[in-house]
Amino acid sequence: DFPANMPRRIETPEGLGVILGAAPLEVWSADRLVVVLADETAVRTLKPDLAGLQAISARFSDGRGNLGVTAPADAGRPYDLVSRFFAPGSGIPEDPTTGGYHCTAAPLFAHKLGRARLRFHQAYPGRGGDLVCEVVGDRVLIEGSAVTVAETRLRL
């Protein structure tokens, strides 16, 4: 249960398509950029220039220089949308599965598709993850499976 972060549409920043390696259909801004691409293949095959991406995203968003891309899924997929999230501004070249990005993408695509509940596949190469996002008022409910990769204990 996270706060929704509805982005605002902006003009495509000059050079963004070259830096991404795909032509944006739309660009939206919040604490990160959201780039809408034409199809699933465009999302899956991206090999962006991360330094350039960070510079453009930091300049045209309210955040540190992070950017997500989303497109409609191919027909017959068990999800509605496919996404990836590049976070060089946070020291992470690409996040395998990220809830924060989907708190921005879910309200946008819920509005675009006219329904509150959406299934996303974050297509991190070789791994990734599936998220079900439901927009409820000014909140995004995120469901999915997780695997614990580290555990620790803090002693004060």
N, C-alpha and C. Protein backbone atom coordinates (compact mmCIF):
# COMPACT_ATOMS: atom_id res chain seq x y z
N ASP A 1 0.86 -1.16 0.00
CA ASP A 1 0.00 0.00 0.00
C ASP A 1 0.91 1.23 0.00
N PHE A 2 1.03 1.85 -1.15
CA PHE A 2 1.97 2.95 -1.34
C PHE A 2 1.26 4.19 -1.89
N PRO A 3 1.84 5.37 -1.72
CA PRO A 3 1.24 6.58 -2.31
C PRO A 3 1.35 6.55 -3.84
N ALA A 4 0.27 6.89 -4.50
CA ALA A 4 0.29 7.03 -5.97
C ALA A 4 1.04 8.31 -6.31
N ASN A 5 1.69 8.31 -7.45
CA ASN A 5 2.51 9.44 -7.88
C ASN A 5 2.21 9.71 -9.35
N MET A 6 1.08 10.37 -9.61
CA MET A 6 0.66 10.62 -10.99
C MET A 6 1.61 11.60 -11.66
N PRO A 7 2.22 11.20 -12.79
CA PRO A 7 3.14 12.10 -13.48
C PRO A 7 2.39 13.10 -14.36
N ARG A 8 3.12 14.08 -14.85
CA ARG A 8 2.57 15.06 -15.78
C ARG A 8 3.27 14.87 -17.13
N ARG A 9 2.53 15.05 -18.20
CA ARG A 9 3.12 14.85 -19.53
C ARG A 9 4.02 16.02 -19.88
N ILE A 10 5.17 15.70 -20.50
CA ILE A 10 6.11 16.72 -20.95
C ILE A 10 6.48 16.43 -22.41
N GLU A 11 7.07 17.41 -23.04
CA GLU A 11 7.62 17.21 -24.38
C GLU A 11 8.81 16.25 -24.28
N THR A 12 9.02 15.46 -25.29
CA THR A 12 10.15 14.53 -25.29
C THR A 12 11.46 15.32 -25.29
N PRO A 13 12.29 15.11 -24.28
CA PRO A 13 13.57 15.83 -24.26
C PRO A 13 14.43 15.47 -25.48
N GLU A 14 15.07 16.48 -26.02
CA GLU A 14 15.93 16.27 -27.18
C GLU A 14 17.02 15.25 -26.85
N GLY A 15 17.19 14.29 -27.74
CA GLY A 15 18.23 13.28 -27.59
C GLY A 15 17.82 12.05 -26.79
N LEU A 16 16.63 12.06 -26.18
CA LEU A 16 16.23 10.94 -25.33
C LEU A 16 16.13 9.64 -26.13
N GLY A 17 15.58 9.68 -27.32
CA GLY A 17 15.46 8.48 -28.14
C GLY A 17 16.81 7.86 -28.47
N VAL A 18 17.79 8.69 -28.73
CA VAL A 18 19.14 8.19 -29.04
C VAL A 18 19.75 7.55 -27.79
N ILE A 19 19.61 8.20 -26.65
CA ILE A 19 20.16 7.68 -25.40
C ILE A 19 19.51 6.36 -25.00
N LEU A 20 18.19 6.26 -25.22
CA LEU A 20 17.47 5.02 -24.90
C LEU A 20 17.73 3.93 -25.93
N GLY A 21 17.81 4.32 -27.18
CA GLY A 21 17.90 3.35 -28.26
C GLY A 21 16.53 2.96 -28.78
N ALA A 22 15.51 3.78 -28.48
CA ALA A 22 14.14 3.56 -28.96
C ALA A 22 13.42 4.90 -28.95
N ALA A 23 12.48 5.05 -29.87
CA ALA A 23 11.74 6.30 -29.97
C ALA A 23 10.59 6.36 -28.97
N PRO A 24 10.59 7.33 -28.06
CA PRO A 24 9.48 7.47 -27.11
C PRO A 24 8.20 7.90 -27.82
N LEU A 25 7.08 7.30 -27.43
CA LEU A 25 5.77 7.77 -27.91
C LEU A 25 5.29 8.93 -27.05
N GLU A 26 5.54 8.82 -25.74
CA GLU A 26 5.16 9.85 -24.77
C GLU A 26 6.21 9.85 -23.67
N VAL A 27 6.36 11.01 -23.01
CA VAL A 27 7.23 11.12 -21.84
C VAL A 27 6.44 11.84 -20.75
N TRP A 28 6.52 11.28 -19.55
CA TRP A 28 5.81 11.80 -18.38
C TRP A 28 6.83 12.03 -17.28
N SER A 29 6.60 13.03 -16.44
CA SER A 29 7.56 13.38 -15.41
C SER A 29 6.91 13.42 -14.03
N ALA A 30 7.64 12.91 -13.05
CA ALA A 30 7.31 13.00 -11.63
C ALA A 30 8.67 12.99 -10.92
N ASP A 31 8.85 12.14 -9.93
CA ASP A 31 10.17 12.03 -9.31
C ASP A 31 11.10 11.17 -10.14
N ARG A 32 10.60 10.69 -11.25
CA ARG A 32 11.37 9.94 -12.26
C ARG A 32 10.65 10.18 -13.58
N LEU A 33 11.31 9.89 -14.68
CA LEU A 33 10.63 9.97 -15.97
C LEU A 33 9.96 8.63 -16.26
N VAL A 34 8.82 8.70 -16.91
CA VAL A 34 8.12 7.52 -17.42
C VAL A 34 8.07 7.69 -18.94
N VAL A 35 8.66 6.74 -19.65
CA VAL A 35 8.68 6.79 -21.11
C VAL A 35 7.79 5.68 -21.64
N VAL A 36 6.85 6.06 -22.48
CA VAL A 36 5.96 5.08 -23.11
C VAL A 36 6.57 4.70 -24.45
N LEU A 37 6.78 3.40 -24.65
CA LEU A 37 7.31 2.89 -25.91
C LEU A 37 6.22 2.15 -26.66
N ALA A 38 6.50 1.84 -27.93
CA ALA A 38 5.48 1.28 -28.81
C ALA A 38 5.09 -0.15 -28.46
N ASP A 39 6.05 -0.99 -28.08
CA ASP A 39 5.72 -2.40 -27.90
C ASP A 39 6.71 -3.09 -26.97
N GLU A 40 6.38 -4.32 -26.65
CA GLU A 40 7.18 -5.11 -25.72
C GLU A 40 8.62 -5.30 -26.20
N THR A 41 8.79 -5.55 -27.49
CA THR A 41 10.14 -5.74 -28.03
C THR A 41 11.01 -4.52 -27.80
N ALA A 42 10.45 -3.34 -27.99
CA ALA A 42 11.22 -2.10 -27.77
C ALA A 42 11.71 -2.03 -26.32
N VAL A 43 10.87 -2.42 -25.37
CA VAL A 43 11.25 -2.38 -23.96
C VAL A 43 12.34 -3.42 -23.68
N ARG A 44 12.13 -4.63 -24.16
CA ARG A 44 13.05 -5.74 -23.84
C ARG A 44 14.44 -5.56 -24.45
N THR A 45 14.55 -4.89 -25.58
CA THR A 45 15.83 -4.80 -26.29
C THR A 45 16.63 -3.53 -25.97
N LEU A 46 16.17 -2.70 -25.05
CA LEU A 46 16.88 -1.48 -24.72
C LEU A 46 18.27 -1.75 -24.17
N LYS A 47 19.22 -0.94 -24.61
CA LYS A 47 20.57 -0.92 -24.06
C LYS A 47 20.96 0.56 -23.95
N PRO A 48 20.38 1.25 -22.97
CA PRO A 48 20.55 2.70 -22.91
C PRO A 48 21.94 3.15 -22.46
N ASP A 49 22.27 4.35 -22.82
CA ASP A 49 23.46 5.05 -22.32
C ASP A 49 23.07 5.58 -20.94
N LEU A 50 23.53 4.92 -19.88
CA LEU A 50 23.07 5.25 -18.53
C LEU A 50 23.49 6.64 -18.06
N ALA A 51 24.68 7.08 -18.42
CA ALA A 51 25.12 8.42 -18.02
C ALA A 51 24.24 9.48 -18.69
N GLY A 52 23.96 9.30 -19.97
CA GLY A 52 23.09 10.23 -20.68
C GLY A 52 21.68 10.18 -20.15
N LEU A 53 21.21 8.99 -19.84
CA LEU A 53 19.88 8.82 -19.29
C LEU A 53 19.76 9.54 -17.94
N GLN A 54 20.75 9.38 -17.09
CA GLN A 54 20.72 10.05 -15.79
C GLN A 54 20.67 11.57 -15.97
N ALA A 55 21.48 12.09 -16.87
CA ALA A 55 21.53 13.54 -17.07
C ALA A 55 20.19 14.08 -17.55
N ILE A 56 19.60 13.41 -18.53
CA ILE A 56 18.30 13.89 -19.05
C ILE A 56 17.22 13.74 -18.00
N SER A 57 17.16 12.59 -17.34
CA SER A 57 16.11 12.36 -16.35
C SER A 57 16.22 13.34 -15.19
N ALA A 58 17.42 13.61 -14.71
CA ALA A 58 17.60 14.56 -13.61
C ALA A 58 17.15 15.96 -14.02
N ARG A 59 17.37 16.29 -15.28
CA ARG A 59 17.02 17.62 -15.77
C ARG A 59 15.52 17.81 -15.98
N PHE A 60 14.82 16.74 -16.36
CA PHE A 60 13.41 16.87 -16.73
C PHE A 60 12.45 16.19 -15.75
N SER A 61 12.95 15.76 -14.59
CA SER A 61 12.07 15.19 -13.57
C SER A 61 12.32 15.90 -12.25
N ASP A 62 11.58 15.50 -11.24
CA ASP A 62 11.76 16.08 -9.91
C ASP A 62 12.71 15.23 -9.06
N GLY A 63 13.42 14.32 -9.71
CA GLY A 63 14.23 13.36 -8.96
C GLY A 63 15.71 13.41 -9.29
N ARG A 64 16.37 12.29 -8.99
CA ARG A 64 17.83 12.20 -9.07
C ARG A 64 18.36 11.79 -10.43
N GLY A 65 17.53 11.34 -11.32
CA GLY A 65 18.01 10.90 -12.62
C GLY A 65 17.70 9.44 -12.88
N ASN A 66 16.45 9.06 -12.63
CA ASN A 66 16.00 7.69 -12.86
C ASN A 66 14.86 7.70 -13.87
N LEU A 67 14.72 6.59 -14.58
CA LEU A 67 13.77 6.55 -15.69
C LEU A 67 13.22 5.14 -15.86
N GLY A 68 11.91 5.06 -16.05
CA GLY A 68 11.28 3.78 -16.36
C GLY A 68 10.68 3.83 -17.75
N VAL A 69 10.58 2.67 -18.37
CA VAL A 69 9.93 2.55 -19.67
C VAL A 69 8.83 1.52 -19.57
N THR A 70 7.74 1.75 -20.28
CA THR A 70 6.61 0.83 -20.25
C THR A 70 5.97 0.81 -21.63
N ALA A 71 5.46 -0.36 -22.01
CA ALA A 71 4.74 -0.52 -23.27
C ALA A 71 3.66 -1.59 -23.06
N PRO A 72 2.68 -1.60 -23.95
CA PRO A 72 1.69 -2.68 -23.89
C PRO A 72 2.38 -4.03 -24.13
N ALA A 73 1.89 -5.05 -23.44
CA ALA A 73 2.42 -6.40 -23.62
C ALA A 73 1.97 -6.97 -24.96
N ASP A 74 2.75 -7.89 -25.48
CA ASP A 74 2.35 -8.61 -26.70
C ASP A 74 1.06 -9.39 -26.42
N ALA A 75 0.27 -9.60 -27.44
CA ALA A 75 -0.98 -10.35 -27.32
C ALA A 75 -0.70 -11.74 -26.75
N GLY A 76 -1.58 -12.20 -25.88
CA GLY A 76 -1.47 -13.54 -25.32
C GLY A 76 -0.59 -13.65 -24.09
N ARG A 77 0.02 -12.55 -23.67
CA ARG A 77 0.87 -12.59 -22.48
C ARG A 77 -0.01 -12.62 -21.23
N PRO A 78 0.49 -13.15 -20.11
CA PRO A 78 -0.30 -13.17 -18.88
C PRO A 78 -0.22 -11.85 -18.10
N TYR A 79 0.25 -10.79 -18.74
CA TYR A 79 0.33 -9.48 -18.13
C TYR A 79 -0.11 -8.45 -19.17
N ASP A 80 -0.46 -7.26 -18.67
CA ASP A 80 -0.97 -6.19 -19.53
C ASP A 80 0.13 -5.30 -20.10
N LEU A 81 1.15 -5.06 -19.29
CA LEU A 81 2.19 -4.10 -19.63
C LEU A 81 3.55 -4.67 -19.28
N VAL A 82 4.55 -4.25 -20.02
CA VAL A 82 5.93 -4.65 -19.75
C VAL A 82 6.73 -3.39 -19.45
N SER A 83 7.62 -3.49 -18.46
CA SER A 83 8.37 -2.31 -18.03
C SER A 83 9.81 -2.68 -17.71
N ARG A 84 10.63 -1.63 -17.62
CA ARG A 84 12.00 -1.73 -17.10
C ARG A 84 12.27 -0.44 -16.36
N PHE A 85 13.20 -0.50 -15.39
CA PHE A 85 13.50 0.69 -14.61
C PHE A 85 15.01 0.84 -14.45
N PHE A 86 15.52 1.96 -14.94
CA PHE A 86 16.94 2.30 -14.88
C PHE A 86 17.12 3.38 -13.82
N ALA A 87 18.01 3.12 -12.84
CA ALA A 87 18.16 4.02 -11.71
C ALA A 87 19.61 4.45 -11.48
N PRO A 88 20.29 4.95 -12.51
CA PRO A 88 21.68 5.36 -12.29
C PRO A 88 21.80 6.51 -11.29
N GLY A 89 20.76 7.32 -11.16
CA GLY A 89 20.78 8.42 -10.19
C GLY A 89 20.75 7.92 -8.75
N SER A 90 20.38 6.67 -8.57
CA SER A 90 20.37 6.04 -7.24
C SER A 90 21.48 5.00 -7.11
N GLY A 91 22.39 4.98 -8.09
CA GLY A 91 23.51 4.05 -8.04
C GLY A 91 23.18 2.64 -8.49
N ILE A 92 22.05 2.47 -9.17
CA ILE A 92 21.61 1.15 -9.63
C ILE A 92 21.41 1.23 -11.15
N PRO A 93 22.25 0.57 -11.93
CA PRO A 93 22.07 0.65 -13.38
C PRO A 93 20.65 0.26 -13.81
N GLU A 94 20.18 -0.90 -13.34
CA GLU A 94 18.82 -1.34 -13.65
C GLU A 94 18.30 -2.17 -12.49
N ASP A 95 17.10 -1.86 -12.04
CA ASP A 95 16.49 -2.57 -10.92
C ASP A 95 15.67 -3.74 -11.47
N PRO A 96 15.85 -4.95 -10.95
CA PRO A 96 15.13 -6.11 -11.47
C PRO A 96 13.60 -6.02 -11.33
N THR A 97 13.14 -5.58 -10.18
CA THR A 97 11.70 -5.41 -9.96
C THR A 97 11.53 -4.31 -8.93
N THR A 98 10.81 -3.26 -9.30
CA THR A 98 10.78 -2.10 -8.43
C THR A 98 9.36 -1.59 -8.19
N GLY A 99 8.97 -1.55 -6.94
CA GLY A 99 7.64 -1.05 -6.60
C GLY A 99 7.50 0.44 -6.81
N GLY A 100 8.55 1.19 -6.48
CA GLY A 100 8.48 2.65 -6.59
C GLY A 100 8.13 3.13 -7.98
N TYR A 101 8.73 2.55 -8.99
CA TYR A 101 8.41 2.96 -10.36
C TYR A 101 6.94 2.71 -10.67
N HIS A 102 6.43 1.59 -10.20
CA HIS A 102 5.05 1.23 -10.52
C HIS A 102 4.03 2.08 -9.75
N CYS A 103 4.48 2.80 -8.71
CA CYS A 103 3.60 3.76 -8.04
C CYS A 103 3.38 4.99 -8.93
N THR A 104 4.24 5.17 -9.92
CA THR A 104 4.07 6.23 -10.91
C THR A 104 3.44 5.69 -12.18
N ALA A 105 3.89 4.53 -12.65
CA ALA A 105 3.37 3.94 -13.89
C ALA A 105 1.93 3.47 -13.73
N ALA A 106 1.58 2.88 -12.59
CA ALA A 106 0.23 2.33 -12.42
C ALA A 106 -0.86 3.39 -12.53
N PRO A 107 -0.76 4.54 -11.84
CA PRO A 107 -1.82 5.54 -12.01
C PRO A 107 -1.92 6.06 -13.45
N LEU A 108 -0.78 6.21 -14.10
CA LEU A 108 -0.79 6.68 -15.48
C LEU A 108 -1.52 5.69 -16.39
N PHE A 109 -1.15 4.41 -16.31
CA PHE A 109 -1.75 3.43 -17.20
C PHE A 109 -3.16 3.03 -16.77
N ALA A 110 -3.47 3.15 -15.49
CA ALA A 110 -4.86 2.94 -15.05
C ALA A 110 -5.75 3.98 -15.73
N HIS A 111 -5.29 5.21 -15.76
CA HIS A 111 -6.03 6.28 -16.43
C HIS A 111 -6.12 6.02 -17.94
N LYS A 112 -5.00 5.67 -18.55
CA LYS A 112 -4.96 5.44 -20.00
C LYS A 112 -5.85 4.26 -20.42
N LEU A 113 -5.83 3.18 -19.62
CA LEU A 113 -6.56 1.96 -19.98
C LEU A 113 -7.96 1.90 -19.39
N GLY A 114 -8.28 2.84 -18.51
CA GLY A 114 -9.63 2.91 -17.95
C GLY A 114 -9.96 1.80 -16.97
N ARG A 115 -8.95 1.30 -16.27
CA ARG A 115 -9.20 0.30 -15.22
C ARG A 115 -8.15 0.40 -14.14
N ALA A 116 -8.55 0.07 -12.93
CA ALA A 116 -7.70 0.29 -11.77
C ALA A 116 -6.67 -0.82 -11.53
N ARG A 117 -6.96 -2.03 -11.97
CA ARG A 117 -6.08 -3.17 -11.69
C ARG A 117 -5.32 -3.57 -12.95
N LEU A 118 -3.98 -3.57 -12.85
CA LEU A 118 -3.12 -3.85 -14.00
C LEU A 118 -2.05 -4.86 -13.62
N ARG A 119 -1.68 -5.69 -14.58
CA ARG A 119 -0.61 -6.66 -14.39
C ARG A 119 0.62 -6.21 -15.19
N PHE A 120 1.72 -5.99 -14.48
CA PHE A 120 2.98 -5.57 -15.09
C PHE A 120 3.98 -6.71 -15.04
N HIS A 121 4.81 -6.80 -16.07
CA HIS A 121 5.99 -7.66 -16.02
C HIS A 121 7.19 -6.75 -16.18
N GLN A 122 8.05 -6.71 -15.15
CA GLN A 122 9.28 -5.93 -15.27
C GLN A 122 10.33 -6.84 -15.89
N ALA A 123 10.75 -6.51 -17.08
CA ALA A 123 11.54 -7.39 -17.94
C ALA A 123 13.04 -7.20 -17.78
N TYR A 124 13.52 -7.21 -16.56
CA TYR A 124 14.96 -7.18 -16.32
C TYR A 124 15.57 -8.41 -17.00
N PRO A 125 16.58 -8.24 -17.83
CA PRO A 125 17.13 -9.37 -18.58
C PRO A 125 17.57 -10.53 -17.68
N GLY A 126 17.01 -11.70 -17.95
CA GLY A 126 17.38 -12.90 -17.23
C GLY A 126 16.72 -13.09 -15.88
N ARG A 127 15.90 -12.15 -15.46
CA ARG A 127 15.29 -12.25 -14.13
C ARG A 127 13.94 -11.56 -14.14
N GLY A 128 13.85 -10.35 -13.64
CA GLY A 128 12.61 -9.60 -13.65
C GLY A 128 11.59 -10.12 -12.66
N GLY A 129 10.38 -9.60 -12.78
CA GLY A 129 9.34 -9.99 -11.86
C GLY A 129 7.99 -9.50 -12.31
N ASP A 130 6.96 -10.06 -11.68
CA ASP A 130 5.58 -9.72 -12.01
C ASP A 130 4.94 -9.00 -10.83
N LEU A 131 4.22 -7.94 -11.14
CA LEU A 131 3.53 -7.17 -10.13
C LEU A 131 2.08 -6.94 -10.57
N VAL A 132 1.18 -7.05 -9.64
CA VAL A 132 -0.20 -6.66 -9.88
C VAL A 132 -0.39 -5.37 -9.11
N CYS A 133 -0.78 -4.32 -9.81
CA CYS A 133 -0.94 -3.01 -9.20
C CYS A 133 -2.41 -2.59 -9.31
N GLU A 134 -2.94 -2.11 -8.20
CA GLU A 134 -4.32 -1.61 -8.20
C GLU A 134 -4.32 -0.20 -7.64
N VAL A 135 -4.86 0.71 -8.42
CA VAL A 135 -4.95 2.11 -7.99
C VAL A 135 -6.27 2.29 -7.25
N VAL A 136 -6.15 2.70 -5.98
CA VAL A 136 -7.32 2.92 -5.13
C VAL A 136 -7.19 4.33 -4.56
N GLY A 137 -7.93 5.26 -5.16
CA GLY A 137 -7.81 6.65 -4.74
C GLY A 137 -6.42 7.17 -4.99
N ASP A 138 -5.78 7.67 -3.94
CA ASP A 138 -4.41 8.20 -4.08
C ASP A 138 -3.36 7.19 -3.61
N ARG A 139 -3.71 5.89 -3.66
CA ARG A 139 -2.81 4.82 -3.24
C ARG A 139 -2.65 3.80 -4.36
N VAL A 140 -1.54 3.08 -4.34
CA VAL A 140 -1.31 1.96 -5.25
C VAL A 140 -1.05 0.73 -4.39
N LEU A 141 -1.88 -0.28 -4.57
CA LEU A 141 -1.68 -1.55 -3.88
C LEU A 141 -0.88 -2.44 -4.82
N ILE A 142 0.23 -2.99 -4.33
CA ILE A 142 1.11 -3.80 -5.15
C ILE A 142 1.16 -5.21 -4.58
N GLU A 143 0.90 -6.18 -5.46
CA GLU A 143 0.97 -7.59 -5.09
C GLU A 143 2.05 -8.26 -5.93
N GLY A 144 2.66 -9.28 -5.37
CA GLY A 144 3.64 -10.06 -6.11
C GLY A 144 4.36 -11.00 -5.17
N SER A 145 5.23 -11.80 -5.72
CA SER A 145 6.04 -12.72 -4.93
C SER A 145 7.42 -12.13 -4.75
N ALA A 146 8.05 -12.49 -3.64
CA ALA A 146 9.40 -12.00 -3.36
C ALA A 146 10.24 -13.13 -2.79
N VAL A 147 11.53 -12.98 -2.93
CA VAL A 147 12.49 -13.93 -2.39
C VAL A 147 13.44 -13.16 -1.48
N THR A 148 13.63 -13.63 -0.27
CA THR A 148 14.58 -12.99 0.65
C THR A 148 15.99 -13.32 0.19
N VAL A 149 16.79 -12.28 -0.06
CA VAL A 149 18.16 -12.51 -0.51
C VAL A 149 19.17 -12.16 0.57
N ALA A 150 18.73 -11.45 1.60
CA ALA A 150 19.61 -11.12 2.71
C ALA A 150 18.75 -10.90 3.94
N GLU A 151 19.30 -11.23 5.09
CA GLU A 151 18.59 -11.03 6.34
C GLU A 151 19.62 -10.62 7.37
N THR A 152 19.26 -9.70 8.25
CA THR A 152 20.18 -9.23 9.26
C THR A 152 19.43 -8.86 10.52
N ARG A 153 20.17 -8.58 11.56
CA ARG A 153 19.58 -8.16 12.82
C ARG A 153 20.33 -6.91 13.28
N LEU A 154 19.60 -5.88 13.66
CA LEU A 154 20.18 -4.64 14.15
C LEU A 154 20.10 -4.65 15.67
N ARG A 155 21.22 -4.48 16.33
CA ARG A 155 21.26 -4.44 17.79
C ARG A 155 21.65 -3.05 18.22
N LEU A 156 20.84 -2.49 19.09
CA LEU A 156 21.11 -1.13 19.60
C LEU A 156 21.58 -1.21 21.04
